[in-house]
Amino acid sequence: MKINWKNWMFILALSLLVTGCLTQVKEHAKTKVKTQSKPAKQSAIQKLGDNKMDVVLFLKQAEHQLENVYYAAADNAKGKTVFEDGLVFRELPKRFDSKDKITGYFGRFWSRPLAEAMYDNMTTKLVKEKVYVAIPRVDYPTLISVRNTNVQKSNGELSVTVEDVTDSSFASDRTLRYRLVRDQKTKRFEIKSRMGTYGNEQFQ
């Protein structure tokens, strides 16, 4: 019986190609498993104190947490609106539709007592067990940068002083002092205290 060498070579080349593809798939799967098994690197939040800019970025984000929740309500196109006592209450999106979700969001930067105080100082209303919020008419713009921020580290805690945190037309006392400590469970830094008159009513 004659062997058709052209057909034989085609079959051989095809088998080698399939074997190569299977090998690549196995190697890709191994690489993916190795990548997923690697421990996550520490974030800048956990390494605060090594770099002043890390602290500045952290505090900037912290001071905008309330604004982010209010913006979420204003940007909730499908949200309902309720009018009561001359106030306009806007429905918050799903990620902020309960007290636990909101305080949990604040808790990324603020200690539990401060996160709850922030929520309590919001003007909220429950409608069918969902949180609606009235957006305030007063804001507290802050200026936090490496130029006006001083960081001191002692016993694993951070004491941060921010001078001239806002324009003189907004407040006479423009100094804020923060105390940052590590949370025992998450090992991440959180703001334990915020001292200063500017915007303080949001945290009392």
N, C-alpha and C. Protein backbone atom coordinates (compact mmCIF):
# COMPACT_ATOMS: atom_id res chain seq x y z
N MET A 1 0.86 -1.19 0.00
CA MET A 1 0.00 0.00 0.00
C MET A 1 0.89 1.24 0.00
N LYS A 2 0.60 2.12 -0.93
CA LYS A 2 1.39 3.34 -1.02
C LYS A 2 0.96 4.36 0.04
N ILE A 3 1.96 5.03 0.60
CA ILE A 3 1.67 6.06 1.62
C ILE A 3 1.64 7.42 0.95
N ASN A 4 0.57 8.14 1.19
CA ASN A 4 0.47 9.50 0.66
C ASN A 4 1.21 10.42 1.61
N TRP A 5 2.45 10.74 1.24
CA TRP A 5 3.31 11.52 2.14
C TRP A 5 2.76 12.92 2.41
N LYS A 6 2.08 13.50 1.44
CA LYS A 6 1.51 14.84 1.65
C LYS A 6 0.45 14.82 2.74
N ASN A 7 -0.43 13.79 2.69
CA ASN A 7 -1.46 13.68 3.71
C ASN A 7 -0.85 13.40 5.09
N TRP A 8 0.18 12.53 5.09
CA TRP A 8 0.86 12.17 6.33
C TRP A 8 1.52 13.38 6.98
N MET A 9 2.18 14.19 6.18
CA MET A 9 2.84 15.40 6.70
C MET A 9 1.81 16.40 7.22
N PHE A 10 0.67 16.48 6.55
CA PHE A 10 -0.39 17.40 6.99
C PHE A 10 -0.93 16.99 8.36
N ILE A 11 -1.18 15.67 8.50
CA ILE A 11 -1.70 15.14 9.77
C ILE A 11 -0.69 15.37 10.89
N LEU A 12 0.61 15.13 10.58
CA LEU A 12 1.65 15.32 11.58
C LEU A 12 1.74 16.78 12.02
N ALA A 13 1.69 17.71 11.03
CA ALA A 13 1.76 19.14 11.35
C ALA A 13 0.56 19.57 12.17
N LEU A 14 -0.62 19.02 11.84
CA LEU A 14 -1.83 19.37 12.57
C LEU A 14 -1.77 18.89 14.01
N SER A 15 -1.25 17.66 14.22
CA SER A 15 -1.14 17.13 15.57
C SER A 15 -0.16 17.93 16.42
N LEU A 16 0.95 18.35 15.80
CA LEU A 16 1.93 19.18 16.52
C LEU A 16 1.33 20.52 16.91
N LEU A 17 0.53 21.07 16.00
CA LEU A 17 -0.10 22.37 16.28
C LEU A 17 -1.07 22.27 17.45
N VAL A 18 -1.89 21.19 17.45
CA VAL A 18 -2.86 20.99 18.53
C VAL A 18 -2.15 20.77 19.86
N THR A 19 -1.06 19.96 19.83
CA THR A 19 -0.28 19.71 21.04
C THR A 19 0.31 21.00 21.60
N GLY A 20 0.80 21.85 20.71
CA GLY A 20 1.38 23.14 21.12
C GLY A 20 0.35 24.05 21.75
N CYS A 21 -0.85 24.07 21.17
CA CYS A 21 -1.93 24.91 21.71
C CYS A 21 -2.33 24.44 23.10
N LEU A 22 -2.45 23.10 23.27
CA LEU A 22 -2.81 22.56 24.57
C LEU A 22 -1.77 22.88 25.63
N THR A 23 -0.50 22.81 25.23
CA THR A 23 0.59 23.14 26.15
C THR A 23 0.51 24.59 26.59
N GLN A 24 0.23 25.49 25.63
CA GLN A 24 0.12 26.92 25.95
C GLN A 24 -1.04 27.18 26.89
N VAL A 25 -2.17 26.46 26.67
CA VAL A 25 -3.34 26.64 27.54
C VAL A 25 -3.00 26.20 28.96
N LYS A 26 -2.30 25.05 29.10
CA LYS A 26 -1.92 24.57 30.42
C LYS A 26 -0.98 25.53 31.12
N GLU A 27 0.01 26.06 30.38
CA GLU A 27 0.96 27.00 30.96
C GLU A 27 0.27 28.27 31.40
N HIS A 28 -0.70 28.75 30.58
CA HIS A 28 -1.45 29.97 30.94
C HIS A 28 -2.25 29.75 32.21
N ALA A 29 -2.86 28.52 32.33
CA ALA A 29 -3.64 28.21 33.53
C ALA A 29 -2.75 28.19 34.76
N LYS A 30 -1.55 27.60 34.63
CA LYS A 30 -0.62 27.55 35.76
C LYS A 30 -0.20 28.95 36.18
N THR A 31 0.10 29.79 35.18
CA THR A 31 0.51 31.18 35.47
C THR A 31 -0.60 31.93 36.17
N LYS A 32 -1.85 31.71 35.72
CA LYS A 32 -3.00 32.40 36.32
C LYS A 32 -3.17 32.00 37.78
N VAL A 33 -3.02 30.69 38.06
CA VAL A 33 -3.16 30.21 39.44
C VAL A 33 -2.07 30.79 40.32
N LYS A 34 -0.84 30.84 39.81
CA LYS A 34 0.27 31.40 40.58
C LYS A 34 0.04 32.87 40.88
N THR A 35 -0.46 33.60 39.87
CA THR A 35 -0.72 35.04 40.05
C THR A 35 -1.79 35.27 41.09
N GLN A 36 -2.85 34.45 41.04
CA GLN A 36 -3.95 34.63 41.99
C GLN A 36 -3.56 34.23 43.40
N SER A 37 -2.59 33.32 43.53
CA SER A 37 -2.21 32.85 44.86
C SER A 37 -1.23 33.77 45.56
N LYS A 38 -0.67 34.73 44.81
CA LYS A 38 0.27 35.66 45.42
C LYS A 38 -0.45 36.58 46.39
N PRO A 39 0.10 36.87 47.57
CA PRO A 39 -0.56 37.77 48.52
C PRO A 39 -0.59 39.19 47.97
N ALA A 40 -1.68 39.90 48.28
CA ALA A 40 -1.82 41.28 47.81
C ALA A 40 -0.79 42.18 48.48
N LYS A 41 -0.26 43.10 47.72
CA LYS A 41 0.72 44.03 48.27
C LYS A 41 0.03 45.01 49.21
N GLN A 42 0.76 45.51 50.16
CA GLN A 42 0.19 46.48 51.09
C GLN A 42 -0.13 47.77 50.35
N SER A 43 -1.27 48.34 50.68
CA SER A 43 -1.66 49.59 50.05
C SER A 43 -1.00 50.76 50.75
N ALA A 44 -1.11 51.92 50.12
CA ALA A 44 -0.54 53.14 50.71
C ALA A 44 -1.20 53.45 52.05
N ILE A 45 -2.46 53.03 52.21
CA ILE A 45 -3.18 53.28 53.46
C ILE A 45 -2.49 52.54 54.61
N GLN A 46 -2.00 51.33 54.34
CA GLN A 46 -1.34 50.56 55.39
C GLN A 46 0.06 51.08 55.67
N LYS A 47 0.65 51.76 54.70
CA LYS A 47 2.04 52.19 54.84
C LYS A 47 2.15 53.69 55.11
N LEU A 48 1.08 54.28 55.60
CA LEU A 48 1.11 55.71 55.89
C LEU A 48 2.24 56.05 56.84
N GLY A 49 2.85 57.19 56.62
CA GLY A 49 3.95 57.63 57.47
C GLY A 49 5.28 57.50 56.77
N ASP A 50 5.35 56.60 55.78
CA ASP A 50 6.57 56.45 55.01
C ASP A 50 6.74 57.59 54.01
N ASN A 51 5.63 58.19 53.64
CA ASN A 51 5.65 59.24 52.62
C ASN A 51 4.56 60.26 52.96
N LYS A 52 4.93 61.53 53.07
CA LYS A 52 3.94 62.56 53.43
C LYS A 52 2.81 62.63 52.41
N MET A 53 3.15 62.43 51.14
CA MET A 53 2.12 62.50 50.11
C MET A 53 1.05 61.44 50.31
N ASP A 54 1.43 60.25 50.81
CA ASP A 54 0.44 59.23 51.12
C ASP A 54 -0.57 59.74 52.14
N VAL A 55 -0.08 60.42 53.16
CA VAL A 55 -0.95 60.96 54.21
C VAL A 55 -1.86 62.04 53.63
N VAL A 56 -1.31 62.90 52.81
CA VAL A 56 -2.09 63.98 52.19
C VAL A 56 -3.21 63.40 51.34
N LEU A 57 -2.89 62.42 50.50
CA LEU A 57 -3.90 61.80 49.64
C LEU A 57 -4.99 61.12 50.48
N PHE A 58 -4.57 60.47 51.55
CA PHE A 58 -5.50 59.80 52.46
C PHE A 58 -6.49 60.80 53.05
N LEU A 59 -5.97 61.91 53.58
CA LEU A 59 -6.83 62.91 54.21
C LEU A 59 -7.74 63.61 53.19
N LYS A 60 -7.22 63.83 52.00
CA LYS A 60 -8.06 64.43 50.95
C LYS A 60 -9.27 63.54 50.67
N GLN A 61 -9.01 62.25 50.51
CA GLN A 61 -10.11 61.32 50.26
C GLN A 61 -11.09 61.29 51.43
N ALA A 62 -10.54 61.29 52.63
CA ALA A 62 -11.39 61.22 53.83
C ALA A 62 -12.33 62.42 53.91
N GLU A 63 -11.80 63.60 53.63
CA GLU A 63 -12.60 64.82 53.74
C GLU A 63 -13.67 64.93 52.65
N HIS A 64 -13.60 64.08 51.62
CA HIS A 64 -14.58 64.14 50.53
C HIS A 64 -15.60 63.01 50.60
N GLN A 65 -15.57 62.19 51.66
CA GLN A 65 -16.50 61.08 51.76
C GLN A 65 -17.96 61.53 51.80
N LEU A 66 -18.24 62.55 52.59
CA LEU A 66 -19.62 63.06 52.65
C LEU A 66 -20.07 63.60 51.30
N GLU A 67 -19.21 64.37 50.66
CA GLU A 67 -19.54 64.93 49.35
C GLU A 67 -19.84 63.82 48.35
N ASN A 68 -19.10 62.73 48.42
CA ASN A 68 -19.30 61.63 47.48
C ASN A 68 -20.69 61.00 47.64
N VAL A 69 -21.15 60.89 48.89
CA VAL A 69 -22.49 60.34 49.12
C VAL A 69 -23.55 61.31 48.60
N TYR A 70 -23.37 62.60 48.87
CA TYR A 70 -24.34 63.58 48.37
C TYR A 70 -24.35 63.60 46.83
N TYR A 71 -23.19 63.48 46.25
CA TYR A 71 -23.12 63.48 44.79
C TYR A 71 -23.82 62.25 44.22
N ALA A 72 -23.68 61.10 44.90
CA ALA A 72 -24.34 59.88 44.45
C ALA A 72 -25.86 60.07 44.42
N ALA A 73 -26.39 60.80 45.39
CA ALA A 73 -27.84 61.08 45.41
C ALA A 73 -28.22 62.01 44.27
N ALA A 74 -27.42 63.05 44.05
CA ALA A 74 -27.71 64.01 42.99
C ALA A 74 -27.59 63.37 41.62
N ASP A 75 -26.72 62.37 41.50
CA ASP A 75 -26.46 61.74 40.20
C ASP A 75 -27.31 60.50 39.96
N ASN A 76 -28.18 60.17 40.92
CA ASN A 76 -29.01 58.97 40.80
C ASN A 76 -30.21 59.26 39.91
N ALA A 77 -30.04 59.07 38.60
CA ALA A 77 -31.07 59.43 37.62
C ALA A 77 -32.38 58.69 37.85
N LYS A 78 -32.31 57.45 38.32
CA LYS A 78 -33.52 56.65 38.52
C LYS A 78 -34.09 56.80 39.93
N GLY A 79 -33.44 57.61 40.75
CA GLY A 79 -33.87 57.78 42.13
C GLY A 79 -35.13 58.63 42.26
N LYS A 80 -35.91 58.33 43.27
CA LYS A 80 -37.14 59.08 43.53
C LYS A 80 -36.85 60.28 44.43
N THR A 81 -37.79 61.20 44.47
CA THR A 81 -37.65 62.41 45.28
C THR A 81 -38.84 62.56 46.20
N VAL A 82 -38.56 62.93 47.45
CA VAL A 82 -39.62 63.13 48.44
C VAL A 82 -39.47 64.53 49.02
N PHE A 83 -40.59 65.26 49.15
CA PHE A 83 -40.59 66.60 49.72
C PHE A 83 -41.21 66.55 51.12
N GLU A 84 -40.50 67.13 52.09
CA GLU A 84 -41.02 67.12 53.45
C GLU A 84 -40.42 68.28 54.24
N ASP A 85 -41.28 69.06 54.91
CA ASP A 85 -40.84 70.19 55.74
C ASP A 85 -39.93 71.14 54.97
N GLY A 86 -40.24 71.37 53.73
CA GLY A 86 -39.46 72.30 52.90
C GLY A 86 -38.14 71.74 52.42
N LEU A 87 -37.89 70.48 52.69
CA LEU A 87 -36.65 69.85 52.27
C LEU A 87 -36.90 68.88 51.12
N VAL A 88 -35.89 68.73 50.28
CA VAL A 88 -35.96 67.80 49.16
C VAL A 88 -35.07 66.60 49.50
N PHE A 89 -35.69 65.44 49.66
CA PHE A 89 -34.94 64.22 49.95
C PHE A 89 -34.79 63.41 48.68
N ARG A 90 -33.54 63.06 48.37
CA ARG A 90 -33.26 62.29 47.15
C ARG A 90 -32.86 60.86 47.51
N GLU A 91 -33.36 59.94 46.73
CA GLU A 91 -33.05 58.53 46.97
C GLU A 91 -31.59 58.24 46.63
N LEU A 92 -30.92 57.52 47.50
CA LEU A 92 -29.54 57.13 47.25
C LEU A 92 -29.49 55.84 46.43
N PRO A 93 -28.46 55.66 45.62
CA PRO A 93 -28.33 54.41 44.86
C PRO A 93 -28.10 53.23 45.78
N LYS A 94 -28.17 52.05 45.22
CA LYS A 94 -28.13 50.81 46.01
C LYS A 94 -26.92 50.71 46.92
N ARG A 95 -25.76 51.18 46.47
CA ARG A 95 -24.56 51.02 47.28
C ARG A 95 -24.57 51.89 48.53
N PHE A 96 -25.51 52.86 48.60
CA PHE A 96 -25.63 53.73 49.76
C PHE A 96 -27.05 53.73 50.35
N ASP A 97 -27.83 52.70 50.09
CA ASP A 97 -29.25 52.78 50.46
C ASP A 97 -29.57 52.35 51.88
N SER A 98 -28.54 52.15 52.73
CA SER A 98 -28.78 51.83 54.14
C SER A 98 -27.72 52.50 55.01
N LYS A 99 -28.04 52.61 56.28
CA LYS A 99 -27.09 53.22 57.21
C LYS A 99 -25.80 52.41 57.27
N ASP A 100 -25.91 51.09 57.31
CA ASP A 100 -24.72 50.24 57.40
C ASP A 100 -23.80 50.43 56.19
N LYS A 101 -24.40 50.56 55.02
CA LYS A 101 -23.59 50.75 53.82
C LYS A 101 -22.86 52.09 53.84
N ILE A 102 -23.54 53.12 54.31
CA ILE A 102 -22.95 54.46 54.34
C ILE A 102 -21.85 54.53 55.40
N THR A 103 -22.13 54.04 56.60
CA THR A 103 -21.11 54.08 57.65
C THR A 103 -19.94 53.16 57.30
N GLY A 104 -20.23 52.07 56.60
CA GLY A 104 -19.15 51.20 56.13
C GLY A 104 -18.25 51.91 55.14
N TYR A 105 -18.87 52.72 54.29
CA TYR A 105 -18.11 53.52 53.32
C TYR A 105 -17.25 54.55 54.03
N PHE A 106 -17.82 55.25 55.01
CA PHE A 106 -17.06 56.22 55.79
C PHE A 106 -15.93 55.52 56.56
N GLY A 107 -16.20 54.29 56.98
CA GLY A 107 -15.24 53.55 57.79
C GLY A 107 -13.97 53.16 57.06
N ARG A 108 -13.90 53.38 55.76
CA ARG A 108 -12.66 53.15 55.02
C ARG A 108 -11.57 54.12 55.47
N PHE A 109 -11.99 55.26 56.04
CA PHE A 109 -11.04 56.29 56.46
C PHE A 109 -11.23 56.70 57.92
N TRP A 110 -12.47 56.67 58.39
CA TRP A 110 -12.79 57.19 59.71
C TRP A 110 -13.08 56.05 60.68
N SER A 111 -12.80 56.27 61.96
CA SER A 111 -13.11 55.27 62.98
C SER A 111 -14.62 55.10 63.06
N ARG A 112 -15.04 54.01 63.67
CA ARG A 112 -16.48 53.71 63.75
C ARG A 112 -17.27 54.84 64.40
N PRO A 113 -16.84 55.38 65.56
CA PRO A 113 -17.61 56.47 66.17
C PRO A 113 -17.73 57.69 65.25
N LEU A 114 -16.65 58.05 64.56
CA LEU A 114 -16.71 59.20 63.66
C LEU A 114 -17.58 58.91 62.44
N ALA A 115 -17.52 57.69 61.92
CA ALA A 115 -18.34 57.31 60.78
C ALA A 115 -19.83 57.41 61.14
N GLU A 116 -20.18 56.97 62.34
CA GLU A 116 -21.57 57.04 62.76
C GLU A 116 -22.00 58.48 63.03
N ALA A 117 -21.08 59.29 63.57
CA ALA A 117 -21.39 60.70 63.80
C ALA A 117 -21.63 61.42 62.47
N MET A 118 -20.84 61.08 61.47
CA MET A 118 -21.01 61.68 60.15
C MET A 118 -22.39 61.35 59.59
N TYR A 119 -22.79 60.09 59.75
CA TYR A 119 -24.12 59.69 59.27
C TYR A 119 -25.22 60.41 60.04
N ASP A 120 -25.09 60.46 61.37
CA ASP A 120 -26.12 61.09 62.20
C ASP A 120 -26.29 62.57 61.90
N ASN A 121 -25.23 63.21 61.42
CA ASN A 121 -25.31 64.63 61.10
C ASN A 121 -25.81 64.90 59.68
N MET A 122 -26.03 63.85 58.91
CA MET A 122 -26.69 64.00 57.62
C MET A 122 -28.19 64.11 57.84
N THR A 123 -28.87 64.81 56.97
CA THR A 123 -30.33 64.90 57.06
C THR A 123 -30.91 63.79 56.19
N THR A 124 -31.34 62.72 56.84
CA THR A 124 -31.79 61.53 56.11
C THR A 124 -33.25 61.21 56.43
N LYS A 125 -33.81 60.36 55.59
CA LYS A 125 -35.19 59.92 55.77
C LYS A 125 -35.29 58.50 55.21
N LEU A 126 -35.97 57.62 55.95
CA LEU A 126 -36.18 56.26 55.47
C LEU A 126 -37.52 56.16 54.73
N VAL A 127 -37.46 55.68 53.51
CA VAL A 127 -38.66 55.45 52.72
C VAL A 127 -38.63 54.00 52.24
N LYS A 128 -39.55 53.19 52.73
CA LYS A 128 -39.58 51.76 52.41
C LYS A 128 -38.22 51.11 52.70
N GLU A 129 -37.66 51.48 53.86
CA GLU A 129 -36.39 50.94 54.36
C GLU A 129 -35.19 51.31 53.50
N LYS A 130 -35.33 52.33 52.68
CA LYS A 130 -34.21 52.84 51.89
C LYS A 130 -33.90 54.27 52.32
N VAL A 131 -32.61 54.62 52.35
CA VAL A 131 -32.20 55.93 52.83
C VAL A 131 -32.32 56.98 51.72
N TYR A 132 -32.98 58.08 52.06
CA TYR A 132 -33.03 59.27 51.22
C TYR A 132 -32.26 60.36 51.96
N VAL A 133 -31.64 61.27 51.23
CA VAL A 133 -30.84 62.31 51.88
C VAL A 133 -31.16 63.68 51.31
N ALA A 134 -31.17 64.67 52.21
CA ALA A 134 -31.32 66.06 51.77
C ALA A 134 -29.92 66.66 51.64
N ILE A 135 -29.61 67.15 50.48
CA ILE A 135 -28.27 67.70 50.23
C ILE A 135 -28.16 69.06 50.94
N PRO A 136 -27.13 69.25 51.75
CA PRO A 136 -27.00 70.50 52.51
C PRO A 136 -26.71 71.70 51.62
N ARG A 137 -26.97 72.87 52.17
CA ARG A 137 -26.73 74.11 51.42
C ARG A 137 -25.38 74.73 51.75
N VAL A 138 -24.67 74.13 52.71
CA VAL A 138 -23.36 74.65 53.12
C VAL A 138 -22.32 73.57 52.91
N ASP A 139 -21.18 73.95 52.34
CA ASP A 139 -20.09 72.98 52.19
C ASP A 139 -18.85 73.49 52.91
N TYR A 140 -17.88 72.62 53.04
CA TYR A 140 -16.65 72.96 53.74
C TYR A 140 -15.44 72.58 52.88
N PRO A 141 -15.12 73.41 51.90
CA PRO A 141 -13.97 73.09 51.03
C PRO A 141 -12.67 73.08 51.83
N THR A 142 -11.83 72.09 51.54
CA THR A 142 -10.56 71.97 52.26
C THR A 142 -9.39 71.98 51.29
N LEU A 143 -8.29 72.54 51.77
CA LEU A 143 -7.04 72.55 51.01
C LEU A 143 -5.99 71.81 51.83
N ILE A 144 -5.67 70.61 51.40
CA ILE A 144 -4.67 69.79 52.09
C ILE A 144 -3.59 69.42 51.08
N SER A 145 -2.37 69.83 51.37
CA SER A 145 -1.26 69.54 50.46
C SER A 145 0.02 69.32 51.28
N VAL A 146 1.07 68.89 50.63
CA VAL A 146 2.33 68.68 51.34
C VAL A 146 2.88 70.00 51.86
N ARG A 147 2.42 71.12 51.29
CA ARG A 147 2.93 72.44 51.69
C ARG A 147 2.37 72.92 53.03
N ASN A 148 1.15 72.51 53.34
CA ASN A 148 0.56 73.01 54.59
C ASN A 148 0.28 71.89 55.59
N THR A 149 0.91 70.73 55.37
CA THR A 149 0.68 69.56 56.24
C THR A 149 1.97 69.14 56.93
N ASN A 150 1.85 68.91 58.23
CA ASN A 150 2.99 68.42 59.02
C ASN A 150 2.62 67.07 59.62
N VAL A 151 3.50 66.08 59.45
CA VAL A 151 3.22 64.72 59.92
C VAL A 151 4.28 64.31 60.94
N GLN A 152 3.82 63.80 62.08
CA GLN A 152 4.72 63.27 63.10
C GLN A 152 4.28 61.85 63.45
N LYS A 153 5.25 60.95 63.53
CA LYS A 153 4.96 59.56 63.83
C LYS A 153 5.54 59.20 65.19
N SER A 154 4.69 58.58 66.03
CA SER A 154 5.13 58.19 67.36
C SER A 154 4.38 56.96 67.82
N ASN A 155 5.11 55.92 68.22
CA ASN A 155 4.51 54.67 68.71
C ASN A 155 3.50 54.09 67.72
N GLY A 156 3.81 54.20 66.44
CA GLY A 156 2.95 53.63 65.41
C GLY A 156 1.75 54.48 65.05
N GLU A 157 1.55 55.62 65.75
CA GLU A 157 0.44 56.52 65.44
C GLU A 157 0.95 57.73 64.67
N LEU A 158 0.05 58.36 63.96
CA LEU A 158 0.40 59.57 63.20
C LEU A 158 -0.38 60.76 63.74
N SER A 159 0.35 61.84 64.01
CA SER A 159 -0.28 63.11 64.38
C SER A 159 -0.07 64.06 63.21
N VAL A 160 -1.16 64.52 62.65
CA VAL A 160 -1.09 65.34 61.44
C VAL A 160 -1.72 66.70 61.71
N THR A 161 -1.00 67.75 61.37
CA THR A 161 -1.51 69.12 61.50
C THR A 161 -1.57 69.77 60.13
N VAL A 162 -2.74 70.31 59.80
CA VAL A 162 -2.92 71.01 58.52
C VAL A 162 -3.22 72.47 58.81
N GLU A 163 -2.33 73.35 58.40
CA GLU A 163 -2.53 74.79 58.58
C GLU A 163 -3.23 75.39 57.36
N ASP A 164 -3.98 76.47 57.59
CA ASP A 164 -4.65 77.17 56.48
C ASP A 164 -5.40 76.20 55.59
N VAL A 165 -6.25 75.38 56.21
CA VAL A 165 -6.95 74.34 55.48
C VAL A 165 -8.03 74.89 54.55
N THR A 166 -8.37 76.18 54.74
CA THR A 166 -9.36 76.80 53.87
C THR A 166 -9.05 78.28 53.75
N ASP A 167 -9.79 78.96 52.93
CA ASP A 167 -9.59 80.39 52.73
C ASP A 167 -10.04 81.17 53.97
N SER A 168 -9.39 82.27 54.24
CA SER A 168 -9.70 83.07 55.43
C SER A 168 -11.13 83.60 55.41
N SER A 169 -11.74 83.69 54.24
CA SER A 169 -13.12 84.18 54.15
C SER A 169 -14.12 83.15 54.64
N PHE A 170 -13.70 81.88 54.75
CA PHE A 170 -14.59 80.81 55.22
C PHE A 170 -14.55 80.62 56.72
N ALA A 171 -13.39 80.86 57.33
CA ALA A 171 -13.26 80.63 58.77
C ALA A 171 -12.04 81.35 59.32
N SER A 172 -12.11 81.73 60.60
CA SER A 172 -10.97 82.38 61.24
C SER A 172 -9.97 81.34 61.77
N ASP A 173 -10.51 80.25 62.34
CA ASP A 173 -9.67 79.15 62.81
C ASP A 173 -9.55 78.15 61.67
N ARG A 174 -8.39 78.09 61.04
CA ARG A 174 -8.23 77.27 59.83
C ARG A 174 -7.22 76.14 60.03
N THR A 175 -7.08 75.68 61.26
CA THR A 175 -6.15 74.59 61.55
C THR A 175 -6.92 73.34 61.93
N LEU A 176 -6.54 72.22 61.30
CA LEU A 176 -7.13 70.93 61.63
C LEU A 176 -6.03 69.98 62.11
N ARG A 177 -6.36 69.21 63.13
CA ARG A 177 -5.41 68.22 63.66
C ARG A 177 -6.06 66.83 63.64
N TYR A 178 -5.36 65.90 63.05
CA TYR A 178 -5.85 64.53 62.92
C TYR A 178 -4.96 63.57 63.71
N ARG A 179 -5.59 62.57 64.27
CA ARG A 179 -4.84 61.47 64.91
C ARG A 179 -5.20 60.19 64.19
N LEU A 180 -4.20 59.53 63.61
CA LEU A 180 -4.43 58.33 62.84
C LEU A 180 -3.82 57.13 63.56
N VAL A 181 -4.60 56.08 63.70
CA VAL A 181 -4.13 54.85 64.35
C VAL A 181 -4.51 53.66 63.47
N ARG A 182 -3.87 52.52 63.75
CA ARG A 182 -4.18 51.31 63.01
C ARG A 182 -5.39 50.60 63.61
N ASP A 183 -6.29 50.17 62.76
CA ASP A 183 -7.40 49.35 63.21
C ASP A 183 -6.86 47.96 63.55
N GLN A 184 -7.28 47.40 64.68
CA GLN A 184 -6.74 46.13 65.15
C GLN A 184 -7.08 44.96 64.22
N LYS A 185 -8.24 45.04 63.56
CA LYS A 185 -8.67 43.95 62.68
C LYS A 185 -8.06 44.06 61.28
N THR A 186 -8.22 45.21 60.65
CA THR A 186 -7.79 45.36 59.26
C THR A 186 -6.33 45.74 59.13
N LYS A 187 -5.73 46.24 60.22
CA LYS A 187 -4.34 46.71 60.22
C LYS A 187 -4.14 47.94 59.33
N ARG A 188 -5.21 48.55 58.94
CA ARG A 188 -5.14 49.77 58.14
C ARG A 188 -5.30 51.00 59.04
N PHE A 189 -4.73 52.11 58.60
CA PHE A 189 -4.88 53.34 59.36
C PHE A 189 -6.30 53.88 59.22
N GLU A 190 -6.79 54.48 60.29
CA GLU A 190 -8.07 55.18 60.26
C GLU A 190 -7.94 56.45 61.10
N ILE A 191 -8.81 57.40 60.85
CA ILE A 191 -8.77 58.66 61.59
C ILE A 191 -9.51 58.48 62.90
N LYS A 192 -8.76 58.55 64.00
CA LYS A 192 -9.34 58.36 65.33
C LYS A 192 -9.97 59.65 65.85
N SER A 193 -9.35 60.78 65.51
CA SER A 193 -9.91 62.06 65.95
C SER A 193 -9.60 63.14 64.92
N ARG A 194 -10.50 64.14 64.87
CA ARG A 194 -10.34 65.30 63.99
C ARG A 194 -10.65 66.52 64.85
N MET A 195 -9.63 67.30 65.14
CA MET A 195 -9.79 68.45 66.02
C MET A 195 -9.62 69.75 65.24
N GLY A 196 -10.50 70.69 65.53
CA GLY A 196 -10.51 71.96 64.83
C GLY A 196 -11.95 72.39 64.62
N THR A 197 -12.20 73.68 64.63
CA THR A 197 -13.58 74.16 64.54
C THR A 197 -14.14 74.09 63.13
N TYR A 198 -13.28 74.13 62.13
CA TYR A 198 -13.76 74.20 60.75
C TYR A 198 -14.42 72.88 60.33
N GLY A 199 -15.71 72.93 60.05
CA GLY A 199 -16.45 71.75 59.63
C GLY A 199 -16.68 70.74 60.72
N ASN A 200 -16.41 71.11 61.95
CA ASN A 200 -16.46 70.14 63.04
C ASN A 200 -17.88 69.64 63.34
N GLU A 201 -18.88 70.45 63.01
CA GLU A 201 -20.26 70.04 63.30
C GLU A 201 -20.67 68.79 62.52
N GLN A 202 -19.93 68.45 61.48
CA GLN A 202 -20.25 67.23 60.72
C GLN A 202 -19.78 65.97 61.42
N PHE A 203 -18.94 66.14 62.47
CA PHE A 203 -18.34 64.98 63.13
C PHE A 203 -18.70 64.86 64.60
N GLN A 204 -19.59 65.69 65.09
CA GLN A 204 -19.94 65.69 66.51
C GLN A 204 -21.17 64.83 66.78
